[in-house]
Amino acid sequence: MKTYFDWIVVKDKKQYLWLLALPLGLLKAILFDIHDKQMFNRLFETVMVVMVCVYFFIRFNSYSQFYNPNHPKPNDVK
């Protein structure tokens, strides 16, 4: 099976908790943010928190010579 994300190597399974922000953010937006008087401000905050969590997941699980030099390269794992 071919994977399209060859550049992401997850060493620790706890790193998947960063992606838990996606369904939690969607749930928060549906249940709380839409019914608030400041709907757009609350939705913006929720989207920004979700984007930061996804960014951290990608940053911590991909090789970077500057940010993450000890992480294995995708070619080393295969």
PDB file of N, CA and C in Angstrom:
ATOM      1  N   MET A   1       0.840  -1.168   0.000  1.00  0.00           N
ATOM      2  CA  MET A   1       0.000   0.000   0.000  1.00  0.00           C
ATOM      3  C   MET A   1       0.891   1.240   0.000  1.00  0.00           C
ATOM      4  N   LYS A   2       0.632   2.150  -0.894  1.00  0.00           N
ATOM      5  CA  LYS A   2       1.436   3.366  -1.008  1.00  0.00           C
ATOM      6  C   LYS A   2       0.859   4.445  -0.103  1.00  0.00           C
ATOM      7  N   THR A   3       1.734   5.067   0.657  1.00  0.00           N
ATOM      8  CA  THR A   3       1.308   6.183   1.488  1.00  0.00           C
ATOM      9  C   THR A   3       1.749   7.475   0.834  1.00  0.00           C
ATOM     10  N   TYR A   4       0.959   8.487   0.996  1.00  0.00           N
ATOM     11  CA  TYR A   4       1.263   9.778   0.391  1.00  0.00           C
ATOM     12  C   TYR A   4       2.036  10.683   1.334  1.00  0.00           C
ATOM     13  N   PHE A   5       2.122  10.300   2.591  1.00  0.00           N
ATOM     14  CA  PHE A   5       2.841  11.098   3.565  1.00  0.00           C
ATOM     15  C   PHE A   5       4.118  10.377   3.960  1.00  0.00           C
ATOM     16  N   ASP A   6       5.016  10.210   3.025  1.00  0.00           N
ATOM     17  CA  ASP A   6       6.279   9.538   3.313  1.00  0.00           C
ATOM     18  C   ASP A   6       7.188  10.379   4.198  1.00  0.00           C
ATOM     19  N   TRP A   7       6.963  11.662   4.261  1.00  0.00           N
ATOM     20  CA  TRP A   7       7.840  12.546   5.009  1.00  0.00           C
ATOM     21  C   TRP A   7       7.455  12.628   6.480  1.00  0.00           C
ATOM     22  N   ILE A   8       6.349  11.999   6.887  1.00  0.00           N
ATOM     23  CA  ILE A   8       5.954  11.979   8.292  1.00  0.00           C
ATOM     24  C   ILE A   8       6.287  10.610   8.866  1.00  0.00           C
ATOM     25  N   VAL A   9       7.119  10.598   9.892  1.00  0.00           N
ATOM     26  CA  VAL A   9       7.483   9.366  10.594  1.00  0.00           C
ATOM     27  C   VAL A   9       7.110   9.563  12.056  1.00  0.00           C
ATOM     28  N   VAL A  10       6.107   8.847  12.519  1.00  0.00           N
ATOM     29  CA  VAL A  10       5.646   8.979  13.900  1.00  0.00           C
ATOM     30  C   VAL A  10       6.416   7.981  14.759  1.00  0.00           C
ATOM     31  N   LYS A  11       7.273   8.504  15.646  1.00  0.00           N
ATOM     32  CA  LYS A  11       8.058   7.645  16.535  1.00  0.00           C
ATOM     33  C   LYS A  11       7.277   7.298  17.795  1.00  0.00           C
ATOM     34  N   ASP A  12       6.547   8.238  18.314  1.00  0.00           N
ATOM     35  CA  ASP A  12       5.790   8.046  19.546  1.00  0.00           C
ATOM     36  C   ASP A  12       4.297   8.138  19.220  1.00  0.00           C
ATOM     37  N   LYS A  13       3.545   7.134  19.592  1.00  0.00           N
ATOM     38  CA  LYS A  13       2.115   7.098  19.262  1.00  0.00           C
ATOM     39  C   LYS A  13       1.323   8.182  19.989  1.00  0.00           C
ATOM     40  N   LYS A  14       1.889   8.751  21.047  1.00  0.00           N
ATOM     41  CA  LYS A  14       1.202   9.833  21.751  1.00  0.00           C
ATOM     42  C   LYS A  14       1.130  11.103  20.910  1.00  0.00           C
ATOM     43  N   GLN A  15       1.932  11.180  19.872  1.00  0.00           N
ATOM     44  CA  GLN A  15       1.910  12.353  19.005  1.00  0.00           C
ATOM     45  C   GLN A  15       0.582  12.484  18.256  1.00  0.00           C
ATOM     46  N   TYR A  16      -0.147  11.381  18.131  1.00  0.00           N
ATOM     47  CA  TYR A  16      -1.452  11.442  17.469  1.00  0.00           C
ATOM     48  C   TYR A  16      -2.465  12.253  18.271  1.00  0.00           C
ATOM     49  N   LEU A  17      -2.169  12.525  19.533  1.00  0.00           N
ATOM     50  CA  LEU A  17      -3.074  13.347  20.332  1.00  0.00           C
ATOM     51  C   LEU A  17      -3.160  14.773  19.799  1.00  0.00           C
ATOM     52  N   TRP A  18      -2.122  15.226  19.079  1.00  0.00           N
ATOM     53  CA  TRP A  18      -2.197  16.553  18.458  1.00  0.00           C
ATOM     54  C   TRP A  18      -3.342  16.610  17.451  1.00  0.00           C
ATOM     55  N   LEU A  19      -3.604  15.494  16.764  1.00  0.00           N
ATOM     56  CA  LEU A  19      -4.678  15.464  15.773  1.00  0.00           C
ATOM     57  C   LEU A  19      -6.058  15.359  16.415  1.00  0.00           C
ATOM     58  N   LEU A  20      -6.101  15.110  17.712  1.00  0.00           N
ATOM     59  CA  LEU A  20      -7.379  15.086  18.411  1.00  0.00           C
ATOM     60  C   LEU A  20      -8.025  16.470  18.419  1.00  0.00           C
ATOM     61  N   ALA A  21      -7.249  17.493  18.139  1.00  0.00           N
ATOM     62  CA  ALA A  21      -7.786  18.850  18.086  1.00  0.00           C
ATOM     63  C   ALA A  21      -8.768  19.028  16.933  1.00  0.00           C
ATOM     64  N   LEU A  22      -8.655  18.231  15.876  1.00  0.00           N
ATOM     65  CA  LEU A  22      -9.576  18.367  14.740  1.00  0.00           C
ATOM     66  C   LEU A  22     -11.022  18.046  15.123  1.00  0.00           C
ATOM     67  N   PRO A  23     -11.331  16.859  15.645  1.00  0.00           N
ATOM     68  CA  PRO A  23     -12.735  16.616  15.998  1.00  0.00           C
ATOM     69  C   PRO A  23     -13.205  17.440  17.192  1.00  0.00           C
ATOM     70  N   LEU A  24     -12.299  17.711  18.144  1.00  0.00           N
ATOM     71  CA  LEU A  24     -12.699  18.524  19.292  1.00  0.00           C
ATOM     72  C   LEU A  24     -12.995  19.963  18.882  1.00  0.00           C
ATOM     73  N   GLY A  25     -12.205  20.494  17.967  1.00  0.00           N
ATOM     74  CA  GLY A  25     -12.462  21.842  17.473  1.00  0.00           C
ATOM     75  C   GLY A  25     -13.765  21.932  16.706  1.00  0.00           C
ATOM     76  N   LEU A  26     -14.051  20.916  15.906  1.00  0.00           N
ATOM     77  CA  LEU A  26     -15.314  20.887  15.164  1.00  0.00           C
ATOM     78  C   LEU A  26     -16.493  20.776  16.125  1.00  0.00           C
ATOM     79  N   LEU A  27     -16.359  19.946  17.136  1.00  0.00           N
ATOM     80  CA  LEU A  27     -17.418  19.795  18.128  1.00  0.00           C
ATOM     81  C   LEU A  27     -17.639  21.093  18.899  1.00  0.00           C
ATOM     82  N   LYS A  28     -16.569  21.757  19.277  1.00  0.00           N
ATOM     83  CA  LYS A  28     -16.687  23.039  19.983  1.00  0.00           C
ATOM     84  C   LYS A  28     -17.336  24.089  19.101  1.00  0.00           C
ATOM     85  N   ALA A  29     -16.976  24.106  17.820  1.00  0.00           N
ATOM     86  CA  ALA A  29     -17.558  25.087  16.910  1.00  0.00           C
ATOM     87  C   ALA A  29     -19.056  24.865  16.750  1.00  0.00           C
ATOM     88  N   ILE A  30     -19.470  23.617  16.652  1.00  0.00           N
ATOM     89  CA  ILE A  30     -20.897  23.326  16.458  1.00  0.00           C
ATOM     90  C   ILE A  30     -21.699  23.576  17.736  1.00  0.00           C
ATOM     91  N   LEU A  31     -21.173  23.152  18.868  1.00  0.00           N
ATOM     92  CA  LEU A  31     -21.954  23.231  20.106  1.00  0.00           C
ATOM     93  C   LEU A  31     -21.926  24.605  20.769  1.00  0.00           C
ATOM     94  N   PHE A  32     -20.804  25.304  20.708  1.00  0.00           N
ATOM     95  CA  PHE A  32     -20.680  26.529  21.489  1.00  0.00           C
ATOM     96  C   PHE A  32     -20.493  27.790  20.650  1.00  0.00           C
ATOM     97  N   ASP A  33     -19.669  27.734  19.625  1.00  0.00           N
ATOM     98  CA  ASP A  33     -19.284  28.955  18.920  1.00  0.00           C
ATOM     99  C   ASP A  33     -20.408  29.528  18.067  1.00  0.00           C
ATOM    100  N   ILE A  34     -21.209  28.691  17.471  1.00  0.00           N
ATOM    101  CA  ILE A  34     -22.254  29.189  16.564  1.00  0.00           C
ATOM    102  C   ILE A  34     -23.350  29.916  17.331  1.00  0.00           C
ATOM    103  N   HIS A  35     -23.597  29.545  18.568  1.00  0.00           N
ATOM    104  CA  HIS A  35     -24.685  30.134  19.345  1.00  0.00           C
ATOM    105  C   HIS A  35     -24.238  31.340  20.160  1.00  0.00           C
ATOM    106  N   ASP A  36     -23.015  31.758  20.013  1.00  0.00           N
ATOM    107  CA  ASP A  36     -22.485  32.885  20.776  1.00  0.00           C
ATOM    108  C   ASP A  36     -22.740  34.187  20.021  1.00  0.00           C
ATOM    109  N   LYS A  37     -22.794  35.292  20.762  1.00  0.00           N
ATOM    110  CA  LYS A  37     -22.996  36.598  20.119  1.00  0.00           C
ATOM    111  C   LYS A  37     -21.791  36.991  19.276  1.00  0.00           C
ATOM    112  N   GLN A  38     -20.609  36.624  19.729  1.00  0.00           N
ATOM    113  CA  GLN A  38     -19.380  36.920  18.991  1.00  0.00           C
ATOM    114  C   GLN A  38     -18.950  35.678  18.217  1.00  0.00           C
ATOM    115  N   MET A  39     -19.797  35.247  17.309  1.00  0.00           N
ATOM    116  CA  MET A  39     -19.589  33.981  16.615  1.00  0.00           C
ATOM    117  C   MET A  39     -18.281  33.964  15.829  1.00  0.00           C
ATOM    118  N   PHE A  40     -18.001  35.004  15.082  1.00  0.00           N
ATOM    119  CA  PHE A  40     -16.813  34.992  14.226  1.00  0.00           C
ATOM    120  C   PHE A  40     -15.524  35.044  15.039  1.00  0.00           C
ATOM    121  N   ASN A  41     -15.532  35.759  16.143  1.00  0.00           N
ATOM    122  CA  ASN A  41     -14.344  35.785  17.003  1.00  0.00           C
ATOM    123  C   ASN A  41     -14.076  34.414  17.610  1.00  0.00           C
ATOM    124  N   ARG A  42     -15.116  33.759  18.070  1.00  0.00           N
ATOM    125  CA  ARG A  42     -14.957  32.430  18.667  1.00  0.00           C
ATOM    126  C   ARG A  42     -14.536  31.401  17.627  1.00  0.00           C
ATOM    127  N   LEU A  43     -15.117  31.468  16.435  1.00  0.00           N
ATOM    128  CA  LEU A  43     -14.727  30.535  15.376  1.00  0.00           C
ATOM    129  C   LEU A  43     -13.275  30.749  14.969  1.00  0.00           C
ATOM    130  N   PHE A  44     -12.844  31.999  14.920  1.00  0.00           N
ATOM    131  CA  PHE A  44     -11.454  32.300  14.579  1.00  0.00           C
ATOM    132  C   PHE A  44     -10.506  31.709  15.620  1.00  0.00           C
ATOM    133  N   GLU A  45     -10.842  31.853  16.900  1.00  0.00           N
ATOM    134  CA  GLU A  45     -10.003  31.279  17.955  1.00  0.00           C
ATOM    135  C   GLU A  45      -9.927  29.762  17.836  1.00  0.00           C
ATOM    136  N   THR A  46     -11.049  29.132  17.573  1.00  0.00           N
ATOM    137  CA  THR A  46     -11.077  27.673  17.450  1.00  0.00           C
ATOM    138  C   THR A  46     -10.248  27.209  16.267  1.00  0.00           C
ATOM    139  N   VAL A  47     -10.391  27.873  15.133  1.00  0.00           N
ATOM    140  CA  VAL A  47      -9.633  27.495  13.939  1.00  0.00           C
ATOM    141  C   VAL A  47      -8.140  27.691  14.165  1.00  0.00           C
ATOM    142  N   MET A  48      -7.753  28.751  14.846  1.00  0.00           N
ATOM    143  CA  MET A  48      -6.335  28.993  15.098  1.00  0.00           C
ATOM    144  C   MET A  48      -5.738  27.929  16.028  1.00  0.00           C
ATOM    145  N   VAL A  49      -6.458  27.522  17.054  1.00  0.00           N
ATOM    146  CA  VAL A  49      -5.955  26.481  17.957  1.00  0.00           C
ATOM    147  C   VAL A  49      -5.809  25.161  17.212  1.00  0.00           C
ATOM    148  N   VAL A  50      -6.781  24.823  16.368  1.00  0.00           N
ATOM    149  CA  VAL A  50      -6.701  23.584  15.587  1.00  0.00           C
ATOM    150  C   VAL A  50      -5.516  23.640  14.629  1.00  0.00           C
ATOM    151  N   MET A  51      -5.308  24.777  13.982  1.00  0.00           N
ATOM    152  CA  MET A  51      -4.191  24.900  13.045  1.00  0.00           C
ATOM    153  C   MET A  51      -2.844  24.782  13.757  1.00  0.00           C
ATOM    154  N   VAL A  52      -2.724  25.337  14.941  1.00  0.00           N
ATOM    155  CA  VAL A  52      -1.478  25.229  15.706  1.00  0.00           C
ATOM    156  C   VAL A  52      -1.215  23.777  16.099  1.00  0.00           C
ATOM    157  N   CYS A  53      -2.250  23.050  16.492  1.00  0.00           N
ATOM    158  CA  CYS A  53      -2.070  21.639  16.865  1.00  0.00           C
ATOM    159  C   CYS A  53      -1.661  20.796  15.665  1.00  0.00           C
ATOM    160  N   VAL A  54      -2.246  21.034  14.513  1.00  0.00           N
ATOM    161  CA  VAL A  54      -1.860  20.299  13.305  1.00  0.00           C
ATOM    162  C   VAL A  54      -0.429  20.665  12.912  1.00  0.00           C
ATOM    163  N   TYR A  55      -0.065  21.932  13.056  1.00  0.00           N
ATOM    164  CA  TYR A  55       1.302  22.358  12.767  1.00  0.00           C
ATOM    165  C   TYR A  55       2.304  21.636  13.676  1.00  0.00           C
ATOM    166  N   PHE A  56       1.980  21.544  14.975  1.00  0.00           N
ATOM    167  CA  PHE A  56       2.872  20.842  15.900  1.00  0.00           C
ATOM    168  C   PHE A  56       2.991  19.368  15.552  1.00  0.00           C
ATOM    169  N   PHE A  57       1.893  18.737  15.133  1.00  0.00           N
ATOM    170  CA  PHE A  57       1.961  17.330  14.737  1.00  0.00           C
ATOM    171  C   PHE A  57       2.921  17.153  13.567  1.00  0.00           C
ATOM    172  N   ILE A  58       2.810  18.013  12.577  1.00  0.00           N
ATOM    173  CA  ILE A  58       3.690  17.908  11.410  1.00  0.00           C
ATOM    174  C   ILE A  58       5.125  18.256  11.789  1.00  0.00           C
ATOM    175  N   ARG A  59       5.310  19.274  12.597  1.00  0.00           N
ATOM    176  CA  ARG A  59       6.654  19.705  12.984  1.00  0.00           C
ATOM    177  C   ARG A  59       7.380  18.638  13.806  1.00  0.00           C
ATOM    178  N   PHE A  60       6.683  18.005  14.737  1.00  0.00           N
ATOM    179  CA  PHE A  60       7.322  17.023  15.612  1.00  0.00           C
ATOM    180  C   PHE A  60       7.552  15.685  14.931  1.00  0.00           C
ATOM    181  N   ASN A  61       6.866  15.406  13.843  1.00  0.00           N
ATOM    182  CA  ASN A  61       6.956  14.097  13.204  1.00  0.00           C
ATOM    183  C   ASN A  61       7.596  14.142  11.826  1.00  0.00           C
ATOM    184  N   SER A  62       8.252  15.207  11.504  1.00  0.00           N
ATOM    185  CA  SER A  62       8.964  15.281  10.231  1.00  0.00           C
ATOM    186  C   SER A  62      10.412  15.697  10.491  1.00  0.00           C
ATOM    187  N   TYR A  63      11.276  15.279   9.601  1.00  0.00           N
ATOM    188  CA  TYR A  63      12.702  15.584   9.752  1.00  0.00           C
ATOM    189  C   TYR A  63      12.971  17.006   9.299  1.00  0.00           C
ATOM    190  N   SER A  64      13.743  17.720  10.089  1.00  0.00           N
ATOM    191  CA  SER A  64      14.199  19.052   9.724  1.00  0.00           C
ATOM    192  C   SER A  64      15.615  19.202  10.267  1.00  0.00           C
ATOM    193  N   GLN A  65      16.497  19.667   9.439  1.00  0.00           N
ATOM    194  CA  GLN A  65      17.889  19.790   9.858  1.00  0.00           C
ATOM    195  C   GLN A  65      18.036  20.811  10.979  1.00  0.00           C
ATOM    196  N   PHE A  66      17.189  21.829  10.983  1.00  0.00           N
ATOM    197  CA  PHE A  66      17.289  22.880  11.984  1.00  0.00           C
ATOM    198  C   PHE A  66      16.431  22.582  13.217  1.00  0.00           C
ATOM    199  N   TYR A  67      15.150  22.254  13.016  1.00  0.00           N
ATOM    200  CA  TYR A  67      14.231  22.091  14.141  1.00  0.00           C
ATOM    201  C   TYR A  67      14.293  20.712  14.792  1.00  0.00           C
ATOM    202  N   ASN A  68      14.466  19.674  13.997  1.00  0.00           N
ATOM    203  CA  ASN A  68      14.338  18.319  14.512  1.00  0.00           C
ATOM    204  C   ASN A  68      15.415  17.420  13.913  1.00  0.00           C
ATOM    205  N   PRO A  69      16.696  17.657  14.200  1.00  0.00           N
ATOM    206  CA  PRO A  69      17.762  16.900  13.530  1.00  0.00           C
ATOM    207  C   PRO A  69      17.886  15.450  13.994  1.00  0.00           C
ATOM    208  N   ASN A  70      17.385  15.102  15.179  1.00  0.00           N
ATOM    209  CA  ASN A  70      17.501  13.734  15.681  1.00  0.00           C
ATOM    210  C   ASN A  70      16.389  12.816  15.189  1.00  0.00           C
ATOM    211  N   HIS A  71      15.416  13.369  14.525  1.00  0.00           N
ATOM    212  CA  HIS A  71      14.302  12.564  14.014  1.00  0.00           C
ATOM    213  C   HIS A  71      14.777  11.759  12.802  1.00  0.00           C
ATOM    214  N   PRO A  72      14.337  10.504  12.674  1.00  0.00           N
ATOM    215  CA  PRO A  72      14.796   9.713  11.517  1.00  0.00           C
ATOM    216  C   PRO A  72      14.243  10.252  10.205  1.00  0.00           C
ATOM    217  N   LYS A  73      15.052  10.171   9.188  1.00  0.00           N
ATOM    218  CA  LYS A  73      14.614  10.585   7.857  1.00  0.00           C
ATOM    219  C   LYS A  73      13.682   9.515   7.294  1.00  0.00           C
ATOM    220  N   PRO A  74      12.789   9.889   6.390  1.00  0.00           N
ATOM    221  CA  PRO A  74      11.865   8.892   5.824  1.00  0.00           C
ATOM    222  C   PRO A  74      12.581   7.756   5.109  1.00  0.00           C
ATOM    223  N   ASN A  75      13.724   8.000   4.522  1.00  0.00           N
ATOM    224  CA  ASN A  75      14.456   6.947   3.818  1.00  0.00           C
ATOM    225  C   ASN A  75      15.125   5.975   4.785  1.00  0.00           C
ATOM    226  N   ASP A  76      15.396   6.401   6.022  1.00  0.00           N
ATOM    227  CA  ASP A  76      16.048   5.544   7.008  1.00  0.00           C
ATOM    228  C   ASP A  76      15.107   4.496   7.594  1.00  0.00           C
ATOM    229  N   VAL A  77      13.804   4.764   7.576  1.00  0.00           N
ATOM    230  CA  VAL A  77      12.832   3.886   8.221  1.00  0.00           C
ATOM    231  C   VAL A  77      12.537   2.666   7.370  1.00  0.00           C
ATOM    232  N   LYS A  78      12.514   2.809   6.066  1.00  0.00           N
ATOM    233  CA  LYS A  78      12.129   1.713   5.169  1.00  0.00           C
ATOM    234  C   LYS A  78      13.143   0.670   5.102  1.00  0.00           C
TER     235      LYS A  78
END
